[in-house]
Amino acid sequence: MKTTEDIRAIIEELKHLYPQDDLCSLPYEKDYELLFAVRLAAQCTDERVNQVTPALYADYPSLEALAAAEPEDIEPYVHSCGFYRAKARDIVLASRMLVEEYGGVVPDTMEDLLKLPGVGRKTANLMLGDVHRVPGVVVADTHCIRITGLLGLTDGTKDPGKVEQQLRACLPPEESNDFCHRMVLHGRAVCRARRPDCAHCTLRTWCDHFTGD
């Protein structure tokens, strides 16, 4: 495991590499749009999601419009994202719950978010961090799980719940949400699962798996 100084240095290097304020790769104008974009992104690329959501939100411009729809109405819009029937169903049912039980507002607690159809802990954490700016949030995405294990910030477990616990324990609460976003960006740009570019990775100083070869 890394020292406090190591962790701070990794955070600062990630800020240098990815300095942008808007770190989320799923653009949105309304809070619920991010919620549904994340649902669509399950086993699908963010790029694909960003291609289909403009038409969906153009034709269903409000939460009430989505709540009034039937899943079959939404399916053609999200078909290319895969698992389209389940995703369309979750979007409609979650819209109805948001309208009927939460006054059209995306809730700001883990307990309430997990009640929404299609919302798991990773999605709930992302909403808490990006929308509600709750400190200490950790989104245990696959890139985050893999790279933090390589860096020795976790014990290498692949269990998202354990990774979340371990990162919560070592990351400064005010940095954790953006740190996880930057892990995703680094995983896509440099530390790719199949072809990691270790020679050009400026985090190699702290990487337990960098051999220098």
N, C-alpha and C. Protein backbone atom coordinates (compact mmCIF):
# COMPACT_ATOMS: atom_id res chain seq x y z
N MET A 1 0.84 -1.20 0.00
CA MET A 1 0.00 0.00 0.00
C MET A 1 0.88 1.25 0.00
N LYS A 2 0.37 2.31 -0.53
CA LYS A 2 1.15 3.54 -0.69
C LYS A 2 1.06 4.45 0.53
N THR A 3 2.09 5.30 0.65
CA THR A 3 2.09 6.29 1.72
C THR A 3 1.17 7.45 1.35
N THR A 4 0.88 8.28 2.34
CA THR A 4 0.06 9.46 2.09
C THR A 4 0.71 10.36 1.06
N GLU A 5 2.05 10.46 1.13
CA GLU A 5 2.79 11.29 0.17
C GLU A 5 2.69 10.73 -1.25
N ASP A 6 2.77 9.41 -1.36
CA ASP A 6 2.63 8.78 -2.67
C ASP A 6 1.24 9.04 -3.26
N ILE A 7 0.23 8.90 -2.44
CA ILE A 7 -1.14 9.09 -2.90
C ILE A 7 -1.36 10.51 -3.37
N ARG A 8 -0.85 11.46 -2.60
CA ARG A 8 -0.98 12.86 -3.00
C ARG A 8 -0.23 13.13 -4.30
N ALA A 9 0.92 12.51 -4.49
CA ALA A 9 1.69 12.71 -5.72
C ALA A 9 0.96 12.12 -6.92
N ILE A 10 0.35 10.96 -6.75
CA ILE A 10 -0.42 10.34 -7.83
C ILE A 10 -1.60 11.23 -8.21
N ILE A 11 -2.29 11.76 -7.21
CA ILE A 11 -3.43 12.65 -7.47
C ILE A 11 -2.99 13.88 -8.26
N GLU A 12 -1.88 14.48 -7.84
CA GLU A 12 -1.41 15.68 -8.51
C GLU A 12 -0.96 15.40 -9.94
N GLU A 13 -0.34 14.24 -10.15
CA GLU A 13 0.07 13.89 -11.52
C GLU A 13 -1.14 13.67 -12.41
N LEU A 14 -2.18 13.04 -11.87
CA LEU A 14 -3.41 12.85 -12.64
C LEU A 14 -4.06 14.19 -12.97
N LYS A 15 -4.01 15.13 -12.05
CA LYS A 15 -4.55 16.46 -12.32
C LYS A 15 -3.77 17.14 -13.44
N HIS A 16 -2.47 16.92 -13.45
CA HIS A 16 -1.63 17.49 -14.51
C HIS A 16 -1.96 16.86 -15.86
N LEU A 17 -2.18 15.54 -15.86
CA LEU A 17 -2.47 14.83 -17.10
C LEU A 17 -3.86 15.15 -17.64
N TYR A 18 -4.82 15.28 -16.72
CA TYR A 18 -6.23 15.47 -17.10
C TYR A 18 -6.79 16.64 -16.30
N PRO A 19 -6.44 17.87 -16.72
CA PRO A 19 -6.77 19.05 -15.92
C PRO A 19 -8.18 19.57 -16.09
N GLN A 20 -8.92 19.02 -17.06
CA GLN A 20 -10.24 19.57 -17.37
C GLN A 20 -11.18 19.48 -16.18
N ASP A 21 -12.09 20.46 -16.11
CA ASP A 21 -13.07 20.48 -15.03
C ASP A 21 -14.18 19.44 -15.27
N ASP A 22 -14.58 19.30 -16.53
CA ASP A 22 -15.65 18.37 -16.87
C ASP A 22 -15.02 17.03 -17.22
N LEU A 23 -14.94 16.14 -16.24
CA LEU A 23 -14.24 14.87 -16.42
C LEU A 23 -15.15 13.74 -16.87
N CYS A 24 -16.44 13.93 -16.73
CA CYS A 24 -17.38 12.88 -17.11
C CYS A 24 -17.53 12.84 -18.63
N SER A 25 -17.41 11.66 -19.21
CA SER A 25 -17.49 11.52 -20.67
C SER A 25 -18.91 11.35 -21.17
N LEU A 26 -19.89 11.50 -20.27
CA LEU A 26 -21.30 11.44 -20.66
C LEU A 26 -21.92 12.82 -20.44
N PRO A 27 -21.96 13.66 -21.47
CA PRO A 27 -22.50 15.01 -21.29
C PRO A 27 -24.00 14.98 -20.99
N TYR A 28 -24.44 15.92 -20.19
CA TYR A 28 -25.87 15.99 -19.83
C TYR A 28 -26.23 17.41 -19.45
N GLU A 29 -27.51 17.73 -19.60
CA GLU A 29 -28.02 19.04 -19.19
C GLU A 29 -28.87 18.93 -17.94
N LYS A 30 -29.57 17.82 -17.78
CA LYS A 30 -30.43 17.60 -16.63
C LYS A 30 -29.92 16.40 -15.86
N ASP A 31 -30.11 16.42 -14.56
CA ASP A 31 -29.55 15.37 -13.71
C ASP A 31 -29.99 13.98 -14.14
N TYR A 32 -31.27 13.84 -14.45
CA TYR A 32 -31.76 12.51 -14.80
C TYR A 32 -31.17 12.01 -16.12
N GLU A 33 -30.74 12.94 -16.98
CA GLU A 33 -30.12 12.52 -18.24
C GLU A 33 -28.82 11.77 -17.99
N LEU A 34 -28.07 12.20 -17.00
CA LEU A 34 -26.85 11.47 -16.64
C LEU A 34 -27.20 10.10 -16.07
N LEU A 35 -28.21 10.05 -15.23
CA LEU A 35 -28.65 8.78 -14.64
C LEU A 35 -28.95 7.75 -15.73
N PHE A 36 -29.70 8.18 -16.74
CA PHE A 36 -30.09 7.24 -17.79
C PHE A 36 -28.94 6.96 -18.75
N ALA A 37 -28.07 7.93 -18.96
CA ALA A 37 -26.91 7.69 -19.81
C ALA A 37 -26.00 6.63 -19.19
N VAL A 38 -25.85 6.68 -17.89
CA VAL A 38 -25.04 5.67 -17.21
C VAL A 38 -25.68 4.29 -17.34
N ARG A 39 -26.99 4.24 -17.25
CA ARG A 39 -27.68 2.96 -17.43
C ARG A 39 -27.45 2.42 -18.84
N LEU A 40 -27.51 3.28 -19.82
CA LEU A 40 -27.30 2.86 -21.20
C LEU A 40 -25.85 2.43 -21.44
N ALA A 41 -24.93 2.97 -20.66
CA ALA A 41 -23.51 2.69 -20.86
C ALA A 41 -23.09 1.32 -20.34
N ALA A 42 -23.98 0.63 -19.63
CA ALA A 42 -23.64 -0.71 -19.13
C ALA A 42 -23.35 -1.63 -20.31
N GLN A 43 -22.15 -2.20 -20.35
CA GLN A 43 -21.72 -3.08 -21.43
C GLN A 43 -21.89 -2.41 -22.79
N CYS A 44 -21.63 -1.11 -22.81
CA CYS A 44 -21.70 -0.33 -24.05
C CYS A 44 -20.71 0.82 -23.90
N THR A 45 -20.21 1.36 -25.01
CA THR A 45 -19.26 2.45 -24.92
C THR A 45 -19.97 3.78 -24.68
N ASP A 46 -19.28 4.68 -24.00
CA ASP A 46 -19.82 6.02 -23.80
C ASP A 46 -20.04 6.72 -25.14
N GLU A 47 -19.16 6.46 -26.09
CA GLU A 47 -19.29 7.07 -27.42
C GLU A 47 -20.62 6.70 -28.05
N ARG A 48 -20.99 5.44 -27.97
CA ARG A 48 -22.26 5.00 -28.53
C ARG A 48 -23.43 5.65 -27.80
N VAL A 49 -23.36 5.71 -26.49
CA VAL A 49 -24.43 6.33 -25.70
C VAL A 49 -24.61 7.78 -26.11
N ASN A 50 -23.50 8.48 -26.29
CA ASN A 50 -23.57 9.89 -26.66
C ASN A 50 -24.14 10.09 -28.07
N GLN A 51 -24.14 9.04 -28.87
CA GLN A 51 -24.72 9.13 -30.20
C GLN A 51 -26.24 8.98 -30.17
N VAL A 52 -26.75 8.23 -29.18
CA VAL A 52 -28.19 7.93 -29.18
C VAL A 52 -29.01 8.84 -28.26
N THR A 53 -28.39 9.39 -27.23
CA THR A 53 -29.18 10.17 -26.28
C THR A 53 -29.73 11.49 -26.83
N PRO A 54 -29.05 12.18 -27.75
CA PRO A 54 -29.65 13.43 -28.25
C PRO A 54 -31.03 13.23 -28.87
N ALA A 55 -31.20 12.19 -29.66
CA ALA A 55 -32.50 11.94 -30.29
C ALA A 55 -33.54 11.55 -29.23
N LEU A 56 -33.13 10.75 -28.26
CA LEU A 56 -34.05 10.33 -27.21
C LEU A 56 -34.56 11.54 -26.43
N TYR A 57 -33.65 12.41 -26.02
CA TYR A 57 -34.06 13.56 -25.21
C TYR A 57 -34.71 14.66 -26.04
N ALA A 58 -34.49 14.64 -27.35
CA ALA A 58 -35.19 15.60 -28.21
C ALA A 58 -36.67 15.23 -28.32
N ASP A 59 -36.94 13.94 -28.44
CA ASP A 59 -38.32 13.49 -28.58
C ASP A 59 -39.03 13.32 -27.24
N TYR A 60 -38.26 13.16 -26.19
CA TYR A 60 -38.81 13.05 -24.83
C TYR A 60 -38.07 14.07 -23.96
N PRO A 61 -38.45 15.34 -24.08
CA PRO A 61 -37.65 16.42 -23.51
C PRO A 61 -37.81 16.65 -22.02
N SER A 62 -38.62 15.83 -21.36
CA SER A 62 -38.81 16.02 -19.91
C SER A 62 -38.94 14.66 -19.24
N LEU A 63 -38.75 14.68 -17.94
CA LEU A 63 -38.91 13.45 -17.16
C LEU A 63 -40.34 12.96 -17.24
N GLU A 64 -41.27 13.89 -17.27
CA GLU A 64 -42.68 13.53 -17.37
C GLU A 64 -42.99 12.84 -18.70
N ALA A 65 -42.35 13.30 -19.76
CA ALA A 65 -42.55 12.67 -21.06
C ALA A 65 -42.03 11.24 -21.07
N LEU A 66 -40.88 11.02 -20.46
CA LEU A 66 -40.34 9.68 -20.36
C LEU A 66 -41.22 8.79 -19.49
N ALA A 67 -41.76 9.38 -18.41
CA ALA A 67 -42.62 8.61 -17.51
C ALA A 67 -43.92 8.21 -18.18
N ALA A 68 -44.38 9.00 -19.13
CA ALA A 68 -45.63 8.72 -19.82
C ALA A 68 -45.44 7.72 -20.96
N ALA A 69 -44.20 7.45 -21.32
CA ALA A 69 -43.92 6.53 -22.42
C ALA A 69 -44.06 5.08 -21.95
N GLU A 70 -44.09 4.19 -22.92
CA GLU A 70 -44.01 2.76 -22.66
C GLU A 70 -42.60 2.30 -23.05
N PRO A 71 -42.10 1.25 -22.42
CA PRO A 71 -40.76 0.77 -22.78
C PRO A 71 -40.58 0.54 -24.28
N GLU A 72 -41.64 0.03 -24.93
CA GLU A 72 -41.54 -0.22 -26.37
C GLU A 72 -41.31 1.06 -27.16
N ASP A 73 -41.76 2.20 -26.61
CA ASP A 73 -41.54 3.48 -27.29
C ASP A 73 -40.07 3.87 -27.26
N ILE A 74 -39.39 3.48 -26.19
CA ILE A 74 -38.00 3.89 -25.98
C ILE A 74 -37.02 2.94 -26.65
N GLU A 75 -37.43 1.71 -26.85
CA GLU A 75 -36.54 0.68 -27.37
C GLU A 75 -35.83 1.06 -28.67
N PRO A 76 -36.54 1.64 -29.67
CA PRO A 76 -35.83 1.97 -30.92
C PRO A 76 -34.69 2.97 -30.73
N TYR A 77 -34.81 3.85 -29.76
CA TYR A 77 -33.78 4.86 -29.52
C TYR A 77 -32.51 4.24 -28.94
N VAL A 78 -32.67 3.21 -28.13
CA VAL A 78 -31.54 2.67 -27.38
C VAL A 78 -31.10 1.30 -27.88
N HIS A 79 -31.67 0.88 -28.99
CA HIS A 79 -31.43 -0.47 -29.49
C HIS A 79 -29.94 -0.76 -29.67
N SER A 80 -29.20 0.20 -30.19
CA SER A 80 -27.79 -0.03 -30.51
C SER A 80 -26.90 -0.09 -29.27
N CYS A 81 -27.45 0.21 -28.11
CA CYS A 81 -26.66 0.16 -26.88
C CYS A 81 -26.61 -1.25 -26.28
N GLY A 82 -27.37 -2.17 -26.87
CA GLY A 82 -27.39 -3.53 -26.33
C GLY A 82 -28.33 -3.64 -25.14
N PHE A 83 -28.86 -4.86 -24.93
CA PHE A 83 -29.78 -5.11 -23.83
C PHE A 83 -30.87 -4.04 -23.79
N TYR A 84 -31.34 -3.69 -24.98
CA TYR A 84 -32.19 -2.51 -25.13
C TYR A 84 -33.55 -2.66 -24.44
N ARG A 85 -34.07 -3.87 -24.37
CA ARG A 85 -35.36 -4.03 -23.72
C ARG A 85 -35.26 -3.72 -22.22
N ALA A 86 -34.26 -4.28 -21.58
CA ALA A 86 -34.08 -4.03 -20.14
C ALA A 86 -33.76 -2.57 -19.87
N LYS A 87 -32.94 -1.96 -20.72
CA LYS A 87 -32.56 -0.57 -20.51
C LYS A 87 -33.75 0.36 -20.74
N ALA A 88 -34.53 0.11 -21.77
CA ALA A 88 -35.72 0.93 -22.02
C ALA A 88 -36.71 0.80 -20.87
N ARG A 89 -36.91 -0.41 -20.39
CA ARG A 89 -37.81 -0.64 -19.27
C ARG A 89 -37.35 0.12 -18.03
N ASP A 90 -36.06 0.05 -17.73
CA ASP A 90 -35.54 0.72 -16.54
C ASP A 90 -35.68 2.23 -16.65
N ILE A 91 -35.45 2.78 -17.83
CA ILE A 91 -35.57 4.23 -18.02
C ILE A 91 -37.01 4.68 -17.76
N VAL A 92 -37.97 3.96 -18.30
CA VAL A 92 -39.37 4.33 -18.13
C VAL A 92 -39.80 4.17 -16.67
N LEU A 93 -39.48 3.03 -16.07
CA LEU A 93 -39.90 2.78 -14.69
C LEU A 93 -39.21 3.73 -13.71
N ALA A 94 -37.93 4.02 -13.95
CA ALA A 94 -37.22 4.96 -13.08
C ALA A 94 -37.80 6.36 -13.24
N SER A 95 -38.17 6.73 -14.46
CA SER A 95 -38.79 8.05 -14.69
C SER A 95 -40.08 8.16 -13.90
N ARG A 96 -40.88 7.12 -13.94
CA ARG A 96 -42.14 7.14 -13.21
C ARG A 96 -41.91 7.25 -11.71
N MET A 97 -40.93 6.52 -11.20
CA MET A 97 -40.65 6.59 -9.77
C MET A 97 -40.14 7.97 -9.37
N LEU A 98 -39.27 8.55 -10.21
CA LEU A 98 -38.76 9.89 -9.92
C LEU A 98 -39.88 10.91 -9.87
N VAL A 99 -40.82 10.81 -10.80
CA VAL A 99 -41.94 11.75 -10.85
C VAL A 99 -42.90 11.53 -9.69
N GLU A 100 -43.25 10.27 -9.44
CA GLU A 100 -44.29 9.96 -8.47
C GLU A 100 -43.81 9.98 -7.02
N GLU A 101 -42.56 9.62 -6.78
CA GLU A 101 -42.08 9.47 -5.41
C GLU A 101 -41.04 10.51 -4.99
N TYR A 102 -40.35 11.10 -5.97
CA TYR A 102 -39.26 12.01 -5.62
C TYR A 102 -39.44 13.42 -6.19
N GLY A 103 -40.66 13.74 -6.62
CA GLY A 103 -40.94 15.08 -7.11
C GLY A 103 -40.14 15.49 -8.32
N GLY A 104 -39.72 14.51 -9.12
CA GLY A 104 -38.97 14.82 -10.32
C GLY A 104 -37.51 15.14 -10.08
N VAL A 105 -37.03 14.87 -8.87
CA VAL A 105 -35.65 15.19 -8.51
C VAL A 105 -34.87 13.90 -8.28
N VAL A 106 -33.67 13.81 -8.83
CA VAL A 106 -32.82 12.65 -8.58
C VAL A 106 -32.39 12.69 -7.12
N PRO A 107 -32.69 11.65 -6.35
CA PRO A 107 -32.39 11.67 -4.91
C PRO A 107 -30.90 11.78 -4.62
N ASP A 108 -30.61 12.22 -3.40
CA ASP A 108 -29.22 12.48 -3.03
C ASP A 108 -28.70 11.56 -1.94
N THR A 109 -29.32 10.40 -1.78
CA THR A 109 -28.82 9.41 -0.83
C THR A 109 -28.66 8.07 -1.53
N MET A 110 -27.70 7.30 -1.07
CA MET A 110 -27.47 5.99 -1.64
C MET A 110 -28.72 5.12 -1.51
N GLU A 111 -29.35 5.17 -0.36
CA GLU A 111 -30.53 4.34 -0.11
C GLU A 111 -31.63 4.60 -1.13
N ASP A 112 -31.93 5.87 -1.39
CA ASP A 112 -33.00 6.19 -2.33
C ASP A 112 -32.59 5.91 -3.77
N LEU A 113 -31.36 6.17 -4.11
CA LEU A 113 -30.91 5.92 -5.47
C LEU A 113 -30.99 4.43 -5.81
N LEU A 114 -30.66 3.58 -4.86
CA LEU A 114 -30.68 2.14 -5.11
C LEU A 114 -32.09 1.59 -5.27
N LYS A 115 -33.08 2.37 -4.90
CA LYS A 115 -34.47 1.95 -5.10
C LYS A 115 -34.90 2.11 -6.55
N LEU A 116 -34.18 2.91 -7.32
CA LEU A 116 -34.56 3.16 -8.71
C LEU A 116 -34.21 1.97 -9.59
N PRO A 117 -35.11 1.58 -10.49
CA PRO A 117 -34.84 0.46 -11.39
C PRO A 117 -33.57 0.68 -12.20
N GLY A 118 -32.73 -0.33 -12.25
CA GLY A 118 -31.52 -0.27 -13.06
C GLY A 118 -30.35 0.44 -12.41
N VAL A 119 -30.52 0.89 -11.17
CA VAL A 119 -29.44 1.63 -10.50
C VAL A 119 -28.74 0.73 -9.49
N GLY A 120 -27.45 0.53 -9.71
CA GLY A 120 -26.62 -0.20 -8.77
C GLY A 120 -25.72 0.75 -8.01
N ARG A 121 -24.84 0.20 -7.24
CA ARG A 121 -24.00 1.04 -6.37
C ARG A 121 -23.06 1.94 -7.17
N LYS A 122 -22.51 1.43 -8.27
CA LYS A 122 -21.60 2.25 -9.07
C LYS A 122 -22.32 3.47 -9.63
N THR A 123 -23.50 3.25 -10.19
CA THR A 123 -24.29 4.36 -10.74
C THR A 123 -24.68 5.33 -9.64
N ALA A 124 -25.10 4.80 -8.51
CA ALA A 124 -25.50 5.66 -7.40
C ALA A 124 -24.34 6.53 -6.94
N ASN A 125 -23.16 5.95 -6.83
CA ASN A 125 -21.99 6.72 -6.42
C ASN A 125 -21.68 7.82 -7.43
N LEU A 126 -21.81 7.50 -8.72
CA LEU A 126 -21.53 8.51 -9.73
C LEU A 126 -22.50 9.68 -9.62
N MET A 127 -23.76 9.38 -9.38
CA MET A 127 -24.75 10.45 -9.22
C MET A 127 -24.45 11.28 -7.98
N LEU A 128 -24.09 10.62 -6.90
CA LEU A 128 -23.78 11.35 -5.67
C LEU A 128 -22.57 12.26 -5.87
N GLY A 129 -21.58 11.77 -6.61
CA GLY A 129 -20.36 12.55 -6.80
C GLY A 129 -20.50 13.65 -7.83
N ASP A 130 -21.06 13.33 -9.00
CA ASP A 130 -21.12 14.30 -10.09
C ASP A 130 -22.26 15.29 -9.94
N VAL A 131 -23.41 14.80 -9.51
CA VAL A 131 -24.60 15.67 -9.44
C VAL A 131 -24.69 16.36 -8.08
N HIS A 132 -24.52 15.60 -7.03
CA HIS A 132 -24.74 16.15 -5.68
C HIS A 132 -23.44 16.55 -4.97
N ARG A 133 -22.30 16.26 -5.59
CA ARG A 133 -21.00 16.67 -5.06
C ARG A 133 -20.78 16.20 -3.62
N VAL A 134 -21.16 14.98 -3.35
CA VAL A 134 -20.95 14.39 -2.03
C VAL A 134 -19.48 14.00 -1.91
N PRO A 135 -18.76 14.45 -0.89
CA PRO A 135 -17.35 14.08 -0.75
C PRO A 135 -17.19 12.61 -0.36
N GLY A 136 -16.04 12.06 -0.74
CA GLY A 136 -15.73 10.69 -0.36
C GLY A 136 -16.30 9.63 -1.27
N VAL A 137 -16.93 10.04 -2.36
CA VAL A 137 -17.55 9.08 -3.28
C VAL A 137 -16.47 8.38 -4.10
N VAL A 138 -16.62 7.08 -4.27
CA VAL A 138 -15.72 6.28 -5.10
C VAL A 138 -16.54 5.50 -6.11
N VAL A 139 -16.27 5.72 -7.38
CA VAL A 139 -16.94 4.97 -8.45
C VAL A 139 -15.98 3.88 -8.92
N ALA A 140 -16.26 2.66 -8.54
CA ALA A 140 -15.35 1.54 -8.82
C ALA A 140 -15.59 0.97 -10.21
N ASP A 141 -15.21 1.75 -11.21
CA ASP A 141 -15.28 1.33 -12.61
C ASP A 141 -14.16 0.31 -12.88
N THR A 142 -14.28 -0.42 -13.99
CA THR A 142 -13.28 -1.45 -14.28
C THR A 142 -11.87 -0.86 -14.42
N HIS A 143 -11.74 0.31 -15.05
CA HIS A 143 -10.42 0.96 -15.16
C HIS A 143 -9.90 1.30 -13.77
N CYS A 144 -10.76 1.85 -12.94
CA CYS A 144 -10.36 2.24 -11.59
C CYS A 144 -9.92 1.02 -10.79
N ILE A 145 -10.66 -0.06 -10.87
CA ILE A 145 -10.32 -1.29 -10.16
C ILE A 145 -8.95 -1.80 -10.60
N ARG A 146 -8.74 -1.86 -11.91
CA ARG A 146 -7.50 -2.41 -12.44
C ARG A 146 -6.28 -1.54 -12.13
N ILE A 147 -6.39 -0.24 -12.38
CA ILE A 147 -5.22 0.62 -12.25
C ILE A 147 -4.86 0.87 -10.80
N THR A 148 -5.84 1.03 -9.94
CA THR A 148 -5.51 1.24 -8.52
C THR A 148 -4.87 -0.01 -7.93
N GLY A 149 -5.22 -1.18 -8.47
CA GLY A 149 -4.54 -2.40 -8.05
C GLY A 149 -3.09 -2.41 -8.49
N LEU A 150 -2.83 -1.98 -9.74
CA LEU A 150 -1.47 -1.90 -10.24
C LEU A 150 -0.63 -0.90 -9.45
N LEU A 151 -1.25 0.18 -9.04
CA LEU A 151 -0.54 1.23 -8.31
C LEU A 151 -0.35 0.89 -6.83
N GLY A 152 -1.01 -0.16 -6.37
CA GLY A 152 -0.89 -0.52 -4.96
C GLY A 152 -1.73 0.33 -4.04
N LEU A 153 -2.74 0.99 -4.62
CA LEU A 153 -3.67 1.75 -3.77
C LEU A 153 -4.72 0.82 -3.16
N THR A 154 -4.89 -0.33 -3.80
CA THR A 154 -5.74 -1.40 -3.25
C THR A 154 -4.90 -2.67 -3.21
N ASP A 155 -5.46 -3.72 -2.66
CA ASP A 155 -4.70 -4.97 -2.56
C ASP A 155 -4.82 -5.84 -3.81
N GLY A 156 -5.38 -5.26 -4.88
CA GLY A 156 -5.49 -5.99 -6.12
C GLY A 156 -6.80 -6.74 -6.28
N THR A 157 -7.69 -6.62 -5.33
CA THR A 157 -8.98 -7.28 -5.45
C THR A 157 -9.76 -6.75 -6.64
N LYS A 158 -10.55 -7.62 -7.24
CA LYS A 158 -11.41 -7.21 -8.35
C LYS A 158 -12.84 -6.94 -7.88
N ASP A 159 -13.08 -7.10 -6.60
CA ASP A 159 -14.41 -6.90 -6.04
C ASP A 159 -14.69 -5.39 -5.92
N PRO A 160 -15.69 -4.87 -6.66
CA PRO A 160 -15.95 -3.43 -6.63
C PRO A 160 -16.22 -2.90 -5.22
N GLY A 161 -16.94 -3.66 -4.41
CA GLY A 161 -17.24 -3.21 -3.05
C GLY A 161 -15.99 -3.05 -2.21
N LYS A 162 -15.08 -4.00 -2.34
CA LYS A 162 -13.83 -3.93 -1.56
C LYS A 162 -12.93 -2.81 -2.06
N VAL A 163 -12.90 -2.63 -3.39
CA VAL A 163 -12.12 -1.52 -3.95
C VAL A 163 -12.67 -0.19 -3.45
N GLU A 164 -13.97 -0.06 -3.44
CA GLU A 164 -14.58 1.17 -2.93
C GLU A 164 -14.17 1.43 -1.49
N GLN A 165 -14.24 0.41 -0.66
CA GLN A 165 -13.87 0.56 0.75
C GLN A 165 -12.41 0.96 0.90
N GLN A 166 -11.53 0.31 0.15
CA GLN A 166 -10.10 0.58 0.28
C GLN A 166 -9.73 1.96 -0.22
N LEU A 167 -10.36 2.40 -1.31
CA LEU A 167 -10.07 3.74 -1.82
C LEU A 167 -10.67 4.82 -0.93
N ARG A 168 -11.84 4.57 -0.38
CA ARG A 168 -12.41 5.52 0.58
C ARG A 168 -11.46 5.73 1.76
N ALA A 169 -10.76 4.68 2.14
CA ALA A 169 -9.89 4.75 3.30
C ALA A 169 -8.60 5.52 3.04
N CYS A 170 -8.18 5.57 1.76
CA CYS A 170 -6.87 6.19 1.50
C CYS A 170 -6.94 7.50 0.71
N LEU A 171 -8.02 7.75 -0.01
CA LEU A 171 -8.11 8.98 -0.80
C LEU A 171 -8.69 10.13 0.00
N PRO A 172 -8.18 11.34 -0.17
CA PRO A 172 -8.82 12.50 0.45
C PRO A 172 -10.26 12.61 -0.06
N PRO A 173 -11.25 12.78 0.80
CA PRO A 173 -12.65 12.80 0.37
C PRO A 173 -12.95 13.82 -0.72
N GLU A 174 -12.29 14.96 -0.66
CA GLU A 174 -12.57 16.01 -1.64
C GLU A 174 -11.98 15.69 -3.03
N GLU A 175 -11.14 14.66 -3.09
CA GLU A 175 -10.49 14.31 -4.36
C GLU A 175 -11.03 13.03 -4.98
N SER A 176 -11.74 12.22 -4.22
CA SER A 176 -12.00 10.85 -4.64
C SER A 176 -12.84 10.75 -5.91
N ASN A 177 -13.88 11.56 -6.05
CA ASN A 177 -14.74 11.44 -7.23
C ASN A 177 -13.98 11.78 -8.50
N ASP A 178 -13.28 12.90 -8.52
CA ASP A 178 -12.53 13.28 -9.71
C ASP A 178 -11.37 12.31 -9.96
N PHE A 179 -10.79 11.78 -8.90
CA PHE A 179 -9.73 10.78 -9.03
C PHE A 179 -10.23 9.58 -9.84
N CYS A 180 -11.42 9.12 -9.53
CA CYS A 180 -11.97 7.96 -10.23
C CYS A 180 -12.22 8.28 -11.70
N HIS A 181 -12.71 9.48 -11.99
CA HIS A 181 -12.88 9.88 -13.39
C HIS A 181 -11.55 9.88 -14.13
N ARG A 182 -10.53 10.38 -13.46
CA ARG A 182 -9.21 10.44 -14.09
C ARG A 182 -8.62 9.04 -14.29
N MET A 183 -8.94 8.11 -13.42
CA MET A 183 -8.52 6.73 -13.62
C MET A 183 -9.11 6.18 -14.91
N VAL A 184 -10.36 6.50 -15.18
CA VAL A 184 -11.01 6.05 -16.41
C VAL A 184 -10.30 6.65 -17.62
N LEU A 185 -10.04 7.95 -17.58
CA LEU A 185 -9.36 8.61 -18.69
C LEU A 185 -7.97 8.02 -18.91
N HIS A 186 -7.27 7.73 -17.83
CA HIS A 186 -5.92 7.17 -17.95
C HIS A 186 -5.98 5.74 -18.49
N GLY A 187 -7.00 5.01 -18.09
CA GLY A 187 -7.16 3.65 -18.59
C GLY A 187 -7.46 3.60 -20.08
N ARG A 188 -8.12 4.61 -20.58
CA ARG A 188 -8.43 4.67 -22.01
C ARG A 188 -7.25 5.19 -22.82
N ALA A 189 -6.49 6.12 -22.24
CA ALA A 189 -5.44 6.80 -23.01
C ALA A 189 -4.08 6.12 -22.91
N VAL A 190 -3.75 5.59 -21.74
CA VAL A 190 -2.38 5.12 -21.51
C VAL A 190 -2.34 3.69 -20.94
N CYS A 191 -2.94 3.49 -19.80
CA CYS A 191 -2.88 2.20 -19.13
C CYS A 191 -4.02 1.31 -19.61
N ARG A 192 -3.96 0.99 -20.90
CA ARG A 192 -4.99 0.16 -21.50
C ARG A 192 -4.83 -1.29 -21.06
N ALA A 193 -5.93 -1.97 -20.87
CA ALA A 193 -5.87 -3.32 -20.31
C ALA A 193 -5.07 -4.27 -21.20
N ARG A 194 -5.27 -4.19 -22.51
CA ARG A 194 -4.60 -5.13 -23.41
C ARG A 194 -3.23 -4.65 -23.87
N ARG A 195 -3.06 -3.33 -24.01
CA ARG A 195 -1.79 -2.80 -24.49
C ARG A 195 -1.39 -1.58 -23.65
N PRO A 196 -0.99 -1.78 -22.42
CA PRO A 196 -0.59 -0.64 -21.59
C PRO A 196 0.70 -0.01 -22.12
N ASP A 197 0.68 1.31 -22.20
CA ASP A 197 1.85 2.04 -22.70
C ASP A 197 2.72 2.44 -21.51
N CYS A 198 3.33 1.44 -20.90
CA CYS A 198 4.09 1.68 -19.67
C CYS A 198 5.24 2.66 -19.87
N ALA A 199 5.89 2.60 -21.03
CA ALA A 199 7.05 3.45 -21.27
C ALA A 199 6.70 4.93 -21.24
N HIS A 200 5.47 5.27 -21.57
CA HIS A 200 5.06 6.67 -21.60
C HIS A 200 4.10 7.02 -20.46
N CYS A 201 3.99 6.13 -19.50
CA CYS A 201 3.08 6.37 -18.38
C CYS A 201 3.81 7.10 -17.27
N THR A 202 3.38 8.30 -16.96
CA THR A 202 4.06 9.09 -15.93
C THR A 202 3.67 8.67 -14.52
N LEU A 203 2.78 7.68 -14.42
CA LEU A 203 2.48 7.10 -13.10
C LEU A 203 3.36 5.90 -12.80
N ARG A 204 4.27 5.55 -13.71
CA ARG A 204 5.08 4.35 -13.53
C ARG A 204 5.97 4.43 -12.29
N THR A 205 6.28 5.63 -11.86
CA THR A 205 7.09 5.80 -10.64
C THR A 205 6.46 5.11 -9.45
N TRP A 206 5.13 5.11 -9.42
CA TRP A 206 4.41 4.54 -8.27
C TRP A 206 3.79 3.18 -8.58
N CYS A 207 4.02 2.67 -9.80
CA CYS A 207 3.34 1.44 -10.21
C CYS A 207 4.13 0.22 -9.73
N ASP A 208 3.46 -0.66 -9.02
CA ASP A 208 4.10 -1.86 -8.48
C ASP A 208 4.42 -2.87 -9.57
N HIS A 209 3.87 -2.69 -10.76
CA HIS A 209 4.04 -3.67 -11.83
C HIS A 209 4.95 -3.17 -12.95
N PHE A 210 5.49 -1.96 -12.83
CA PHE A 210 6.39 -1.45 -13.86
C PHE A 210 7.80 -2.01 -13.61
N THR A 211 8.34 -2.69 -14.62
CA THR A 211 9.66 -3.32 -14.45
C THR A 211 10.78 -2.48 -15.01
N GLY A 212 10.44 -1.51 -15.88
CA GLY A 212 11.49 -0.69 -16.48
C GLY A 212 12.07 -1.28 -17.73
N ASP A 213 11.54 -2.43 -18.15
CA ASP A 213 12.05 -3.07 -19.37
C ASP A 213 11.57 -2.33 -20.62
